């Protein structure tokens, strides 16, 4: 089975040329940008199949990744939210060691969804 992955690349806005370095999502993982923090990007790095998702800080100058929050690999809320987020219907927010998933779309047909349907979920540490 082929697993898709992605990476972040940087460009020099003055020249339009690629800047050195890349931030890789890892084999089978994906990177989703959450927001900017100065020159750095805060991103969600999903696990390939089994493993821990992570919220990472990607330094703009070096593309070095620093783990800010490691997420559970057996959490049904997280796995469902990430699967749905991949389709672009969840918003993400990261603040103070908490990752917030917010449902962007509302539908009267939520009874057709298997299992619970959450309007928002929060994963984090204290």
PDB file of N, CA and C in Angstrom:
ATOM      1  N   UNK A   1       0.842  -1.168   0.000  1.00  0.00           N
ATOM      2  CA  UNK A   1       0.000   0.000   0.000  1.00  0.00           C
ATOM      3  C   UNK A   1       0.893   1.240   0.000  1.00  0.00           C
ATOM      4  N   UNK A   2       0.538   2.237  -0.779  1.00  0.00           N
ATOM      5  CA  UNK A   2       1.303   3.468  -0.896  1.00  0.00           C
ATOM      6  C   UNK A   2       0.730   4.507   0.062  1.00  0.00           C
ATOM      7  N   UNK A   3       1.580   5.079   0.887  1.00  0.00           N
ATOM      8  CA  UNK A   3       1.156   6.112   1.817  1.00  0.00           C
ATOM      9  C   UNK A   3       1.660   7.458   1.314  1.00  0.00           C
ATOM     10  N   UNK A   4       0.791   8.439   1.302  1.00  0.00           N
ATOM     11  CA  UNK A   4       1.161   9.775   0.856  1.00  0.00           C
ATOM     12  C   UNK A   4       1.756  10.548   2.016  1.00  0.00           C
ATOM     13  N   UNK A   5       2.699  11.396   1.708  1.00  0.00           N
ATOM     14  CA  UNK A   5       3.314  12.253   2.710  1.00  0.00           C
ATOM     15  C   UNK A   5       3.497  13.625   2.093  1.00  0.00           C
ATOM     16  N   UNK A   6       3.921  14.578   2.875  1.00  0.00           N
ATOM     17  CA  UNK A   6       4.203  15.902   2.345  1.00  0.00           C
ATOM     18  C   UNK A   6       5.331  16.531   3.145  1.00  0.00           C
ATOM     19  N   UNK A   7       5.767  17.701   2.715  1.00  0.00           N
ATOM     20  CA  UNK A   7       6.825  18.420   3.409  1.00  0.00           C
ATOM     21  C   UNK A   7       6.607  19.906   3.198  1.00  0.00           C
ATOM     22  N   UNK A   8       7.189  20.704   4.084  1.00  0.00           N
ATOM     23  CA  UNK A   8       7.140  22.148   3.940  1.00  0.00           C
ATOM     24  C   UNK A   8       8.451  22.600   3.316  1.00  0.00           C
ATOM     25  N   UNK A   9       8.360  23.518   2.396  1.00  0.00           N
ATOM     26  CA  UNK A   9       9.532  24.141   1.800  1.00  0.00           C
ATOM     27  C   UNK A   9       9.390  25.643   1.970  1.00  0.00           C
ATOM     28  N   UNK A  10      10.508  26.342   1.925  1.00  0.00           N
ATOM     29  CA  UNK A  10      10.496  27.794   2.105  1.00  0.00           C
ATOM     30  C   UNK A  10      11.051  28.459   0.856  1.00  0.00           C
ATOM     31  N   UNK A  11      10.568  29.654   0.586  1.00  0.00           N
ATOM     32  CA  UNK A  11      11.036  30.447  -0.540  1.00  0.00           C
ATOM     33  C   UNK A  11      11.463  31.815  -0.042  1.00  0.00           C
ATOM     34  N   UNK A  12      12.506  32.343  -0.644  1.00  0.00           N
ATOM     35  CA  UNK A  12      12.947  33.699  -0.368  1.00  0.00           C
ATOM     36  C   UNK A  12      12.005  34.631  -1.121  1.00  0.00           C
ATOM     37  N   UNK A  13      11.266  35.457  -0.414  1.00  0.00           N
ATOM     38  CA  UNK A  13      10.282  36.314  -1.066  1.00  0.00           C
ATOM     39  C   UNK A  13      10.929  37.398  -1.925  1.00  0.00           C
ATOM     40  N   UNK A  14      12.164  37.752  -1.634  1.00  0.00           N
ATOM     41  CA  UNK A  14      12.853  38.771  -2.430  1.00  0.00           C
ATOM     42  C   UNK A  14      13.294  38.226  -3.781  1.00  0.00           C
ATOM     43  N   UNK A  15      13.732  36.975  -3.819  1.00  0.00           N
ATOM     44  CA  UNK A  15      14.256  36.404  -5.066  1.00  0.00           C
ATOM     45  C   UNK A  15      13.323  35.387  -5.706  1.00  0.00           C
ATOM     46  N   UNK A  16      12.410  34.818  -4.921  1.00  0.00           N
ATOM     47  CA  UNK A  16      11.529  33.781  -5.432  1.00  0.00           C
ATOM     48  C   UNK A  16      12.183  32.410  -5.504  1.00  0.00           C
ATOM     49  N   UNK A  17      13.423  32.320  -5.035  1.00  0.00           N
ATOM     50  CA  UNK A  17      14.146  31.048  -5.082  1.00  0.00           C
ATOM     51  C   UNK A  17      13.902  30.245  -3.800  1.00  0.00           C
ATOM     52  N   UNK A  18      13.983  28.925  -3.931  1.00  0.00           N
ATOM     53  CA  UNK A  18      13.822  28.090  -2.732  1.00  0.00           C
ATOM     54  C   UNK A  18      14.921  28.368  -1.705  1.00  0.00           C
ATOM     55  N   UNK A  19      14.531  28.423  -0.448  1.00  0.00           N
ATOM     56  CA  UNK A  19      15.487  28.568   0.644  1.00  0.00           C
ATOM     57  C   UNK A  19      15.986  27.179   1.016  1.00  0.00           C
ATOM     58  N   UNK A  20      17.175  27.092   1.615  1.00  0.00           N
ATOM     59  CA  UNK A  20      17.678  25.770   1.995  1.00  0.00           C
ATOM     60  C   UNK A  20      16.814  25.116   3.071  1.00  0.00           C
ATOM     61  N   UNK A  21      16.767  23.808   3.021  1.00  0.00           N
ATOM     62  CA  UNK A  21      16.084  23.038   4.052  1.00  0.00           C
ATOM     63  C   UNK A  21      14.640  22.751   3.709  1.00  0.00           C
ATOM     64  N   UNK A  22      14.155  21.683   4.312  1.00  0.00           N
ATOM     65  CA  UNK A  22      12.764  21.257   4.176  1.00  0.00           C
ATOM     66  C   UNK A  22      12.322  20.669   5.513  1.00  0.00           C
ATOM     67  N   UNK A  23      11.055  20.798   5.815  1.00  0.00           N
ATOM     68  CA  UNK A  23      10.484  20.164   6.996  1.00  0.00           C
ATOM     69  C   UNK A  23       9.665  18.979   6.512  1.00  0.00           C
ATOM     70  N   UNK A  24      10.132  17.785   6.812  1.00  0.00           N
ATOM     71  CA  UNK A  24       9.540  16.554   6.320  1.00  0.00           C
ATOM     72  C   UNK A  24       8.510  16.030   7.310  1.00  0.00           C
ATOM     73  N   UNK A  25       7.415  15.470   6.792  1.00  0.00           N
ATOM     74  CA  UNK A  25       6.376  14.894   7.646  1.00  0.00           C
ATOM     75  C   UNK A  25       6.726  13.491   8.102  1.00  0.00           C
ATOM     76  N   UNK A  26       7.758  12.887   7.519  1.00  0.00           N
ATOM     77  CA  UNK A  26       8.110  11.509   7.863  1.00  0.00           C
ATOM     78  C   UNK A  26       7.385  10.545   6.948  1.00  0.00           C
ATOM     79  N   UNK A  27       7.806   9.310   6.956  1.00  0.00           N
ATOM     80  CA  UNK A  27       7.213   8.296   6.088  1.00  0.00           C
ATOM     81  C   UNK A  27       5.745   8.090   6.402  1.00  0.00           C
ATOM     82  N   UNK A  28       4.895   8.389   5.448  1.00  0.00           N
ATOM     83  CA  UNK A  28       3.468   8.158   5.606  1.00  0.00           C
ATOM     84  C   UNK A  28       2.736   9.173   6.448  1.00  0.00           C
ATOM     85  N   UNK A  29       3.435  10.134   7.025  1.00  0.00           N
ATOM     86  CA  UNK A  29       2.785  11.166   7.823  1.00  0.00           C
ATOM     87  C   UNK A  29       2.436  12.364   6.971  1.00  0.00           C
ATOM     88  N   UNK A  30       1.706  13.298   7.545  1.00  0.00           N
ATOM     89  CA  UNK A  30       1.364  14.536   6.860  1.00  0.00           C
ATOM     90  C   UNK A  30       1.568  15.702   7.807  1.00  0.00           C
ATOM     91  N   UNK A  31       1.898  16.849   7.247  1.00  0.00           N
ATOM     92  CA  UNK A  31       2.016  18.087   8.001  1.00  0.00           C
ATOM     93  C   UNK A  31       0.858  18.998   7.633  1.00  0.00           C
ATOM     94  N   UNK A  32       0.187  19.526   8.648  1.00  0.00           N
ATOM     95  CA  UNK A  32      -0.884  20.489   8.443  1.00  0.00           C
ATOM     96  C   UNK A  32      -0.506  21.769   9.185  1.00  0.00           C
ATOM     97  N   UNK A  33      -0.383  22.902   8.480  1.00  0.00           N
ATOM     98  CA  UNK A  33      -0.081  24.141   9.190  1.00  0.00           C
ATOM     99  C   UNK A  33      -1.260  24.563  10.060  1.00  0.00           C
ATOM    100  N   UNK A  34      -0.958  25.018  11.263  1.00  0.00           N
ATOM    101  CA  UNK A  34      -1.999  25.504  12.167  1.00  0.00           C
ATOM    102  C   UNK A  34      -1.983  27.024  12.186  1.00  0.00           C
ATOM    103  N   UNK A  35      -0.801  27.609  12.495  1.00  0.00           N
ATOM    104  CA  UNK A  35      -0.677  29.064  12.472  1.00  0.00           C
ATOM    105  C   UNK A  35       0.790  29.452  12.522  1.00  0.00           C
ATOM    106  N   UNK A  36       1.038  30.732  12.297  1.00  0.00           N
ATOM    107  CA  UNK A  36       2.388  31.279  12.379  1.00  0.00           C
ATOM    108  C   UNK A  36       2.624  31.788  13.794  1.00  0.00           C
ATOM    109  N   UNK A  37       3.866  31.658  14.234  1.00  0.00           N
ATOM    110  CA  UNK A  37       4.296  32.210  15.513  1.00  0.00           C
ATOM    111  C   UNK A  37       5.583  32.965  15.226  1.00  0.00           C
ATOM    112  N   UNK A  38       5.473  34.234  14.870  1.00  0.00           N
ATOM    113  CA  UNK A  38       6.638  34.987  14.417  1.00  0.00           C
ATOM    114  C   UNK A  38       7.089  34.447  13.070  1.00  0.00           C
ATOM    115  N   UNK A  39       8.353  34.043  12.978  1.00  0.00           N
ATOM    116  CA  UNK A  39       8.884  33.454  11.742  1.00  0.00           C
ATOM    117  C   UNK A  39       8.696  31.941  11.695  1.00  0.00           C
ATOM    118  N   UNK A  40       8.159  31.359  12.740  1.00  0.00           N
ATOM    119  CA  UNK A  40       8.006  29.912  12.833  1.00  0.00           C
ATOM    120  C   UNK A  40       6.577  29.489  12.474  1.00  0.00           C
ATOM    121  N   UNK A  41       6.452  28.238  12.071  1.00  0.00           N
ATOM    122  CA  UNK A  41       5.140  27.659  11.767  1.00  0.00           C
ATOM    123  C   UNK A  41       4.820  26.620  12.841  1.00  0.00           C
ATOM    124  N   UNK A  42       3.627  26.688  13.383  1.00  0.00           N
ATOM    125  CA  UNK A  42       3.129  25.644  14.272  1.00  0.00           C
ATOM    126  C   UNK A  42       2.305  24.714  13.386  1.00  0.00           C
ATOM    127  N   UNK A  43       2.627  23.414  13.421  1.00  0.00           N
ATOM    128  CA  UNK A  43       1.975  22.462  12.517  1.00  0.00           C
ATOM    129  C   UNK A  43       1.618  21.184  13.245  1.00  0.00           C
ATOM    130  N   UNK A  44       0.635  20.502  12.724  1.00  0.00           N
ATOM    131  CA  UNK A  44       0.254  19.175  13.191  1.00  0.00           C
ATOM    132  C   UNK A  44       0.932  18.163  12.282  1.00  0.00           C
ATOM    133  N   UNK A  45       1.675  17.243  12.876  1.00  0.00           N
ATOM    134  CA  UNK A  45       2.317  16.161  12.117  1.00  0.00           C
ATOM    135  C   UNK A  45       1.590  14.878  12.480  1.00  0.00           C
ATOM    136  N   UNK A  46       0.903  14.301  11.507  1.00  0.00           N
ATOM    137  CA  UNK A  46       0.125  13.092  11.773  1.00  0.00           C
ATOM    138  C   UNK A  46       1.018  11.873  11.670  1.00  0.00           C
ATOM    139  N   UNK A  47       0.651  10.809  12.382  1.00  0.00           N
ATOM    140  CA  UNK A  47       1.433   9.573  12.299  1.00  0.00           C
ATOM    141  C   UNK A  47       1.109   8.828  11.013  1.00  0.00           C
ATOM    142  N   UNK A  48       2.000   7.928  10.575  1.00  0.00           N
ATOM    143  CA  UNK A  48       1.721   7.148   9.370  1.00  0.00           C
ATOM    144  C   UNK A  48       0.464   6.288   9.540  1.00  0.00           C
ATOM    145  N   UNK A  49       0.530   5.213  10.260  1.00  0.00           N
ATOM    146  CA  UNK A  49      -0.634   4.360  10.503  1.00  0.00           C
ATOM    147  C   UNK A  49      -0.836   4.251  12.003  1.00  0.00           C
ATOM    148  N   UNK A  50       0.122   3.690  12.674  1.00  0.00           N
ATOM    149  CA  UNK A  50       0.088   3.622  14.129  1.00  0.00           C
ATOM    150  C   UNK A  50       1.242   4.456  14.640  1.00  0.00           C
ATOM    151  N   UNK A  51       1.007   5.160  15.681  1.00  0.00           N
ATOM    152  CA  UNK A  51       2.047   6.012  16.226  1.00  0.00           C
ATOM    153  C   UNK A  51       1.408   7.262  16.797  1.00  0.00           C
ATOM    154  N   UNK A  52       2.246   8.146  17.240  1.00  0.00           N
ATOM    155  CA  UNK A  52       1.772   9.357  17.896  1.00  0.00           C
ATOM    156  C   UNK A  52       1.807  10.528  16.926  1.00  0.00           C
ATOM    157  N   UNK A  53       0.707  11.259  16.873  1.00  0.00           N
ATOM    158  CA  UNK A  53       0.707  12.535  16.183  1.00  0.00           C
ATOM    159  C   UNK A  53       1.433  13.541  17.062  1.00  0.00           C
ATOM    160  N   UNK A  54       1.877  14.617  16.466  1.00  0.00           N
ATOM    161  CA  UNK A  54       2.627  15.625  17.219  1.00  0.00           C
ATOM    162  C   UNK A  54       2.258  17.010  16.727  1.00  0.00           C
ATOM    163  N   UNK A  55       2.276  17.958  17.646  1.00  0.00           N
ATOM    164  CA  UNK A  55       2.249  19.360  17.273  1.00  0.00           C
ATOM    165  C   UNK A  55       3.699  19.807  17.315  1.00  0.00           C
ATOM    166  N   UNK A  56       4.183  20.391  16.221  1.00  0.00           N
ATOM    167  CA  UNK A  56       5.585  20.775  16.128  1.00  0.00           C
ATOM    168  C   UNK A  56       5.724  22.252  15.776  1.00  0.00           C
ATOM    169  N   UNK A  57       6.834  22.813  16.215  1.00  0.00           N
ATOM    170  CA  UNK A  57       7.232  24.156  15.793  1.00  0.00           C
ATOM    171  C   UNK A  57       8.305  23.961  14.725  1.00  0.00           C
ATOM    172  N   UNK A  58       8.111  24.578  13.573  1.00  0.00           N
ATOM    173  CA  UNK A  58       9.092  24.515  12.490  1.00  0.00           C
ATOM    174  C   UNK A  58       9.733  25.884  12.382  1.00  0.00           C
ATOM    175  N   UNK A  59      11.019  25.940  12.698  1.00  0.00           N
ATOM    176  CA  UNK A  59      11.738  27.213  12.654  1.00  0.00           C
ATOM    177  C   UNK A  59      11.861  27.678  11.213  1.00  0.00           C
ATOM    178  N   UNK A  60      11.489  28.916  10.964  1.00  0.00           N
ATOM    179  CA  UNK A  60      11.515  29.450   9.612  1.00  0.00           C
ATOM    180  C   UNK A  60      12.905  29.504   9.014  1.00  0.00           C
ATOM    181  N   UNK A  61      13.915  29.792   9.816  1.00  0.00           N
ATOM    182  CA  UNK A  61      15.274  29.947   9.288  1.00  0.00           C
ATOM    183  C   UNK A  61      15.965  28.614   9.011  1.00  0.00           C
ATOM    184  N   UNK A  62      15.711  27.618   9.848  1.00  0.00           N
ATOM    185  CA  UNK A  62      16.455  26.351   9.731  1.00  0.00           C
ATOM    186  C   UNK A  62      15.582  25.166   9.323  1.00  0.00           C
ATOM    187  N   UNK A  63      14.274  25.301   9.389  1.00  0.00           N
ATOM    188  CA  UNK A  63      13.305  24.231   9.135  1.00  0.00           C
ATOM    189  C   UNK A  63      13.417  23.101  10.169  1.00  0.00           C
ATOM    190  N   UNK A  64      14.076  23.382  11.284  1.00  0.00           N
ATOM    191  CA  UNK A  64      14.198  22.409  12.371  1.00  0.00           C
ATOM    192  C   UNK A  64      12.850  22.275  13.076  1.00  0.00           C
ATOM    193  N   UNK A  65      12.479  21.024  13.397  1.00  0.00           N
ATOM    194  CA  UNK A  65      11.222  20.761  14.074  1.00  0.00           C
ATOM    195  C   UNK A  65      11.451  20.495  15.556  1.00  0.00           C
ATOM    196  N   UNK A  66      10.639  21.121  16.379  1.00  0.00           N
ATOM    197  CA  UNK A  66      10.654  20.904  17.814  1.00  0.00           C
ATOM    198  C   UNK A  66       9.267  20.432  18.220  1.00  0.00           C
ATOM    199  N   UNK A  67       9.190  19.325  18.936  1.00  0.00           N
ATOM    200  CA  UNK A  67       7.897  18.781  19.361  1.00  0.00           C
ATOM    201  C   UNK A  67       7.362  19.622  20.520  1.00  0.00           C
ATOM    202  N   UNK A  68       6.147  20.140  20.352  1.00  0.00           N
ATOM    203  CA  UNK A  68       5.486  20.912  21.398  1.00  0.00           C
ATOM    204  C   UNK A  68       4.495  20.063  22.189  1.00  0.00           C
ATOM    205  N   UNK A  69       3.865  19.106  21.498  1.00  0.00           N
ATOM    206  CA  UNK A  69       2.848  18.279  22.133  1.00  0.00           C
ATOM    207  C   UNK A  69       2.792  16.942  21.401  1.00  0.00           C
ATOM    208  N   UNK A  70       2.925  15.851  22.151  1.00  0.00           N
ATOM    209  CA  UNK A  70       2.789  14.519  21.557  1.00  0.00           C
ATOM    210  C   UNK A  70       1.392  14.018  21.875  1.00  0.00           C
ATOM    211  N   UNK A  71       0.710  13.551  20.847  1.00  0.00           N
ATOM    212  CA  UNK A  71      -0.687  13.156  20.976  1.00  0.00           C
ATOM    213  C   UNK A  71      -0.812  11.641  21.108  1.00  0.00           C
ATOM    214  N   UNK A  72      -1.907  11.177  21.683  1.00  0.00           N
ATOM    215  CA  UNK A  72      -2.081   9.734  21.880  1.00  0.00           C
ATOM    216  C   UNK A  72      -2.277   9.008  20.551  1.00  0.00           C
ATOM    217  N   UNK A  73      -1.896   7.742  20.516  1.00  0.00           N
ATOM    218  CA  UNK A  73      -2.103   6.970  19.291  1.00  0.00           C
ATOM    219  C   UNK A  73      -3.321   6.071  19.387  1.00  0.00           C
ATOM    220  N   UNK A  74      -3.994   6.057  20.521  1.00  0.00           N
ATOM    221  CA  UNK A  74      -5.156   5.184  20.665  1.00  0.00           C
ATOM    222  C   UNK A  74      -6.426   5.970  20.972  1.00  0.00           C
ATOM    223  N   UNK A  75      -6.379   7.262  20.768  1.00  0.00           N
ATOM    224  CA  UNK A  75      -7.515   8.104  21.094  1.00  0.00           C
ATOM    225  C   UNK A  75      -8.486   8.137  19.910  1.00  0.00           C
ATOM    226  N   UNK A  76      -9.683   7.625  20.089  1.00  0.00           N
ATOM    227  CA  UNK A  76     -10.663   7.579  19.008  1.00  0.00           C
ATOM    228  C   UNK A  76     -11.069   8.971  18.551  1.00  0.00           C
ATOM    229  N   UNK A  77     -11.123   9.929  19.460  1.00  0.00           N
ATOM    230  CA  UNK A  77     -11.467  11.301  19.084  1.00  0.00           C
ATOM    231  C   UNK A  77     -10.400  11.862  18.151  1.00  0.00           C
ATOM    232  N   UNK A  78      -9.139  11.687  18.515  1.00  0.00           N
ATOM    233  CA  UNK A  78      -8.048  12.213  17.689  1.00  0.00           C
ATOM    234  C   UNK A  78      -8.040  11.556  16.317  1.00  0.00           C
ATOM    235  N   UNK A  79      -8.120  10.231  16.270  1.00  0.00           N
ATOM    236  CA  UNK A  79      -8.062   9.540  14.983  1.00  0.00           C
ATOM    237  C   UNK A  79      -9.216   9.950  14.076  1.00  0.00           C
ATOM    238  N   UNK A  80     -10.413  10.075  14.627  1.00  0.00           N
ATOM    239  CA  UNK A  80     -11.565  10.497  13.828  1.00  0.00           C
ATOM    240  C   UNK A  80     -11.389  11.944  13.378  1.00  0.00           C
ATOM    241  N   UNK A  81     -10.952  12.809  14.276  1.00  0.00           N
ATOM    242  CA  UNK A  81     -10.791  14.220  13.931  1.00  0.00           C
ATOM    243  C   UNK A  81      -9.751  14.401  12.844  1.00  0.00           C
ATOM    244  N   UNK A  82      -8.637  13.676  12.935  1.00  0.00           N
ATOM    245  CA  UNK A  82      -7.592  13.796  11.916  1.00  0.00           C
ATOM    246  C   UNK A  82      -8.092  13.291  10.571  1.00  0.00           C
ATOM    247  N   UNK A  83      -8.811  12.193  10.572  1.00  0.00           N
ATOM    248  CA  UNK A  83      -9.348  11.670   9.317  1.00  0.00           C
ATOM    249  C   UNK A  83     -10.270  12.687   8.671  1.00  0.00           C
ATOM    250  N   UNK A  84     -11.144  13.282   9.459  1.00  0.00           N
ATOM    251  CA  UNK A  84     -12.071  14.271   8.929  1.00  0.00           C
ATOM    252  C   UNK A  84     -11.336  15.560   8.583  1.00  0.00           C
ATOM    253  N   UNK A  85     -10.348  15.959   9.418  1.00  0.00           N
ATOM    254  CA  UNK A  85      -9.607  17.192   9.148  1.00  0.00           C
ATOM    255  C   UNK A  85      -8.915  17.120   7.800  1.00  0.00           C
ATOM    256  N   UNK A  86      -8.460  15.946   7.429  1.00  0.00           N
ATOM    257  CA  UNK A  86      -7.794  15.760   6.151  1.00  0.00           C
ATOM    258  C   UNK A  86      -8.697  16.189   4.990  1.00  0.00           C
ATOM    259  N   UNK A  87     -10.000  16.151   5.203  1.00  0.00           N
ATOM    260  CA  UNK A  87     -10.947  16.567   4.159  1.00  0.00           C
ATOM    261  C   UNK A  87     -11.299  18.052   4.263  1.00  0.00           C
ATOM    262  N   UNK A  88     -10.713  18.763   5.205  1.00  0.00           N
ATOM    263  CA  UNK A  88     -10.879  20.212   5.288  1.00  0.00           C
ATOM    264  C   UNK A  88     -12.132  20.699   5.978  1.00  0.00           C
ATOM    265  N   UNK A  89     -12.748  19.892   6.836  1.00  0.00           N
ATOM    266  CA  UNK A  89     -13.963  20.368   7.486  1.00  0.00           C
ATOM    267  C   UNK A  89     -13.780  20.632   8.984  1.00  0.00           C
ATOM    268  N   UNK A  90     -12.563  20.574   9.462  1.00  0.00           N
ATOM    269  CA  UNK A  90     -12.259  20.944  10.844  1.00  0.00           C
ATOM    270  C   UNK A  90     -11.286  22.113  10.844  1.00  0.00           C
ATOM    271  N   UNK A  91     -11.408  22.971  11.835  1.00  0.00           N
ATOM    272  CA  UNK A  91     -10.419  24.012  12.076  1.00  0.00           C
ATOM    273  C   UNK A  91      -9.531  23.556  13.210  1.00  0.00           C
ATOM    274  N   UNK A  92      -8.267  23.934  13.152  1.00  0.00           N
ATOM    275  CA  UNK A  92      -7.307  23.604  14.202  1.00  0.00           C
ATOM    276  C   UNK A  92      -6.825  24.863  14.882  1.00  0.00           C
ATOM    277  N   UNK A  93      -6.588  24.762  16.183  1.00  0.00           N
ATOM    278  CA  UNK A  93      -5.995  25.842  16.953  1.00  0.00           C
ATOM    279  C   UNK A  93      -5.089  25.204  17.985  1.00  0.00           C
ATOM    280  N   UNK A  94      -3.896  25.734  18.153  1.00  0.00           N
ATOM    281  CA  UNK A  94      -2.976  25.255  19.185  1.00  0.00           C
ATOM    282  C   UNK A  94      -2.649  26.422  20.083  1.00  0.00           C
ATOM    283  N   UNK A  95      -2.767  26.200  21.392  1.00  0.00           N
ATOM    284  CA  UNK A  95      -2.411  27.233  22.353  1.00  0.00           C
ATOM    285  C   UNK A  95      -2.120  26.577  23.696  1.00  0.00           C
ATOM    286  N   UNK A  96      -0.997  26.928  24.291  1.00  0.00           N
ATOM    287  CA  UNK A  96      -0.623  26.513  25.637  1.00  0.00           C
ATOM    288  C   UNK A  96      -0.823  25.011  25.869  1.00  0.00           C
ATOM    289  N   UNK A  97      -0.126  24.202  25.094  1.00  0.00           N
ATOM    290  CA  UNK A  97      -0.139  22.742  25.223  1.00  0.00           C
ATOM    291  C   UNK A  97      -1.509  22.105  25.030  1.00  0.00           C
ATOM    292  N   UNK A  98      -2.352  22.741  24.244  1.00  0.00           N
ATOM    293  CA  UNK A  98      -3.654  22.164  23.922  1.00  0.00           C
ATOM    294  C   UNK A  98      -3.905  22.312  22.423  1.00  0.00           C
ATOM    295  N   UNK A  99      -4.432  21.235  21.825  1.00  0.00           N
ATOM    296  CA  UNK A  99      -4.798  21.241  20.424  1.00  0.00           C
ATOM    297  C   UNK A  99      -6.316  21.171  20.344  1.00  0.00           C
ATOM    298  N   UNK A 100      -6.911  22.171  19.704  1.00  0.00           N
ATOM    299  CA  UNK A 100      -8.359  22.268  19.577  1.00  0.00           C
ATOM    300  C   UNK A 100      -8.772  21.914  18.153  1.00  0.00           C
ATOM    301  N   UNK A 101      -9.768  21.022  18.020  1.00  0.00           N
ATOM    302  CA  UNK A 101     -10.381  20.695  16.738  1.00  0.00           C
ATOM    303  C   UNK A 101     -11.795  21.264  16.781  1.00  0.00           C
ATOM    304  N   UNK A 102     -12.147  22.081  15.817  1.00  0.00           N
ATOM    305  CA  UNK A 102     -13.497  22.624  15.764  1.00  0.00           C
ATOM    306  C   UNK A 102     -14.176  22.238  14.462  1.00  0.00           C
ATOM    307  N   UNK A 103     -15.400  21.761  14.554  1.00  0.00           N
ATOM    308  CA  UNK A 103     -16.152  21.369  13.375  1.00  0.00           C
ATOM    309  C   UNK A 103     -16.579  22.625  12.624  1.00  0.00           C
ATOM    310  N   UNK A 104     -16.228  22.714  11.355  1.00  0.00           N
ATOM    311  CA  UNK A 104     -16.529  23.879  10.539  1.00  0.00           C
ATOM    312  C   UNK A 104     -17.921  23.785   9.916  1.00  0.00           C
ATOM    313  N   UNK A 105     -18.413  22.577   9.729  1.00  0.00           N
ATOM    314  CA  UNK A 105     -19.688  22.391   9.049  1.00  0.00           C
ATOM    315  C   UNK A 105     -20.711  21.745   9.975  1.00  0.00           C
ATOM    316  N   UNK A 106     -21.910  22.246   9.941  1.00  0.00           N
ATOM    317  CA  UNK A 106     -22.995  21.660  10.712  1.00  0.00           C
ATOM    318  C   UNK A 106     -23.983  21.046   9.729  1.00  0.00           C
ATOM    319  N   UNK A 107     -24.607  19.957  10.138  1.00  0.00           N
ATOM    320  CA  UNK A 107     -25.521  19.252   9.262  1.00  0.00           C
ATOM    321  C   UNK A 107     -26.602  18.612  10.110  1.00  0.00           C
ATOM    322  N   UNK A 108     -27.829  18.671   9.656  1.00  0.00           N
ATOM    323  CA  UNK A 108     -28.921  18.040  10.387  1.00  0.00           C
ATOM    324  C   UNK A 108     -28.816  16.521  10.366  1.00  0.00           C
ATOM    325  N   UNK A 109     -28.050  15.967   9.463  1.00  0.00           N
ATOM    326  CA  UNK A 109     -27.995  14.519   9.293  1.00  0.00           C
ATOM    327  C   UNK A 109     -26.911  13.873  10.163  1.00  0.00           C
ATOM    328  N   UNK A 110     -26.644  14.407  11.334  1.00  0.00           N
ATOM    329  CA  UNK A 110     -25.602  13.834  12.187  1.00  0.00           C
ATOM    330  C   UNK A 110     -25.974  12.451  12.691  1.00  0.00           C
ATOM    331  N   UNK A 111     -27.262  12.093  12.644  1.00  0.00           N
ATOM    332  CA  UNK A 111     -27.656  10.756  13.078  1.00  0.00           C
ATOM    333  C   UNK A 111     -27.156   9.687  12.114  1.00  0.00           C
ATOM    334  N   UNK A 112     -26.720  10.088  10.905  1.00  0.00           N
ATOM    335  CA  UNK A 112     -26.185   9.139   9.939  1.00  0.00           C
ATOM    336  C   UNK A 112     -24.707   8.820  10.184  1.00  0.00           C
ATOM    337  N   UNK A 113     -24.070   9.577  11.077  1.00  0.00           N
ATOM    338  CA  UNK A 113     -22.652   9.381  11.369  1.00  0.00           C
ATOM    339  C   UNK A 113     -22.518   8.285  12.417  1.00  0.00           C
ATOM    340  N   UNK A 114     -21.626   7.329  12.157  1.00  0.00           N
ATOM    341  CA  UNK A 114     -21.384   6.270  13.138  1.00  0.00           C
ATOM    342  C   UNK A 114     -20.657   6.840  14.339  1.00  0.00           C
ATOM    343  N   UNK A 115     -21.088   6.478  15.511  1.00  0.00           N
ATOM    344  CA  UNK A 115     -20.429   6.937  16.729  1.00  0.00           C
ATOM    345  C   UNK A 115     -20.794   8.371  17.038  1.00  0.00           C
ATOM    346  N   UNK A 116     -20.187   8.921  18.080  1.00  0.00           N
ATOM    347  CA  UNK A 116     -20.515  10.295  18.484  1.00  0.00           C
ATOM    348  C   UNK A 116     -19.976  11.308  17.470  1.00  0.00           C
ATOM    349  N   UNK A 117     -20.661  12.427  17.367  1.00  0.00           N
ATOM    350  CA  UNK A 117     -20.237  13.524  16.503  1.00  0.00           C
ATOM    351  C   UNK A 117     -19.926  14.713  17.405  1.00  0.00           C
ATOM    352  N   UNK A 118     -18.664  15.123  17.451  1.00  0.00           N
ATOM    353  CA  UNK A 118     -18.242  16.190  18.342  1.00  0.00           C
ATOM    354  C   UNK A 118     -18.192  17.514  17.594  1.00  0.00           C
ATOM    355  N   UNK A 119     -18.689  18.573  18.230  1.00  0.00           N
ATOM    356  CA  UNK A 119     -18.569  19.906  17.640  1.00  0.00           C
ATOM    357  C   UNK A 119     -17.161  20.424  17.802  1.00  0.00           C
ATOM    358  N   UNK A 120     -16.532  20.074  18.908  1.00  0.00           N
ATOM    359  CA  UNK A 120     -15.133  20.410  19.108  1.00  0.00           C
ATOM    360  C   UNK A 120     -14.506  19.383  20.028  1.00  0.00           C
ATOM    361  N   UNK A 121     -13.219  19.253  19.931  1.00  0.00           N
ATOM    362  CA  UNK A 121     -12.456  18.354  20.786  1.00  0.00           C
ATOM    363  C   UNK A 121     -11.199  19.079  21.209  1.00  0.00           C
ATOM    364  N   UNK A 122     -10.713  18.774  22.391  1.00  0.00           N
ATOM    365  CA  UNK A 122      -9.480  19.376  22.898  1.00  0.00           C
ATOM    366  C   UNK A 122      -8.592  18.276  23.405  1.00  0.00           C
ATOM    367  N   UNK A 123      -7.355  18.244  22.953  1.00  0.00           N
ATOM    368  CA  UNK A 123      -6.357  17.317  23.453  1.00  0.00           C
ATOM    369  C   UNK A 123      -5.211  18.141  24.002  1.00  0.00           C
ATOM    370  N   UNK A 124      -4.695  17.752  25.179  1.00  0.00           N
ATOM    371  CA  UNK A 124      -3.593  18.528  25.712  1.00  0.00           C
ATOM    372  C   UNK A 124      -3.045  17.979  27.000  1.00  0.00           C
ATOM    373  N   UNK A 125      -2.119  18.728  27.531  1.00  0.00           N
ATOM    374  CA  UNK A 125      -1.492  18.401  28.802  1.00  0.00           C
ATOM    375  C   UNK A 125      -1.609  19.599  29.723  1.00  0.00           C
ATOM    376  N   UNK A 126      -1.379  19.352  30.990  1.00  0.00           N
ATOM    377  CA  UNK A 126      -1.442  20.449  31.949  1.00  0.00           C
ATOM    378  C   UNK A 126      -0.074  20.933  32.297  1.00  0.00           C
TER     379      UNK A 126
END
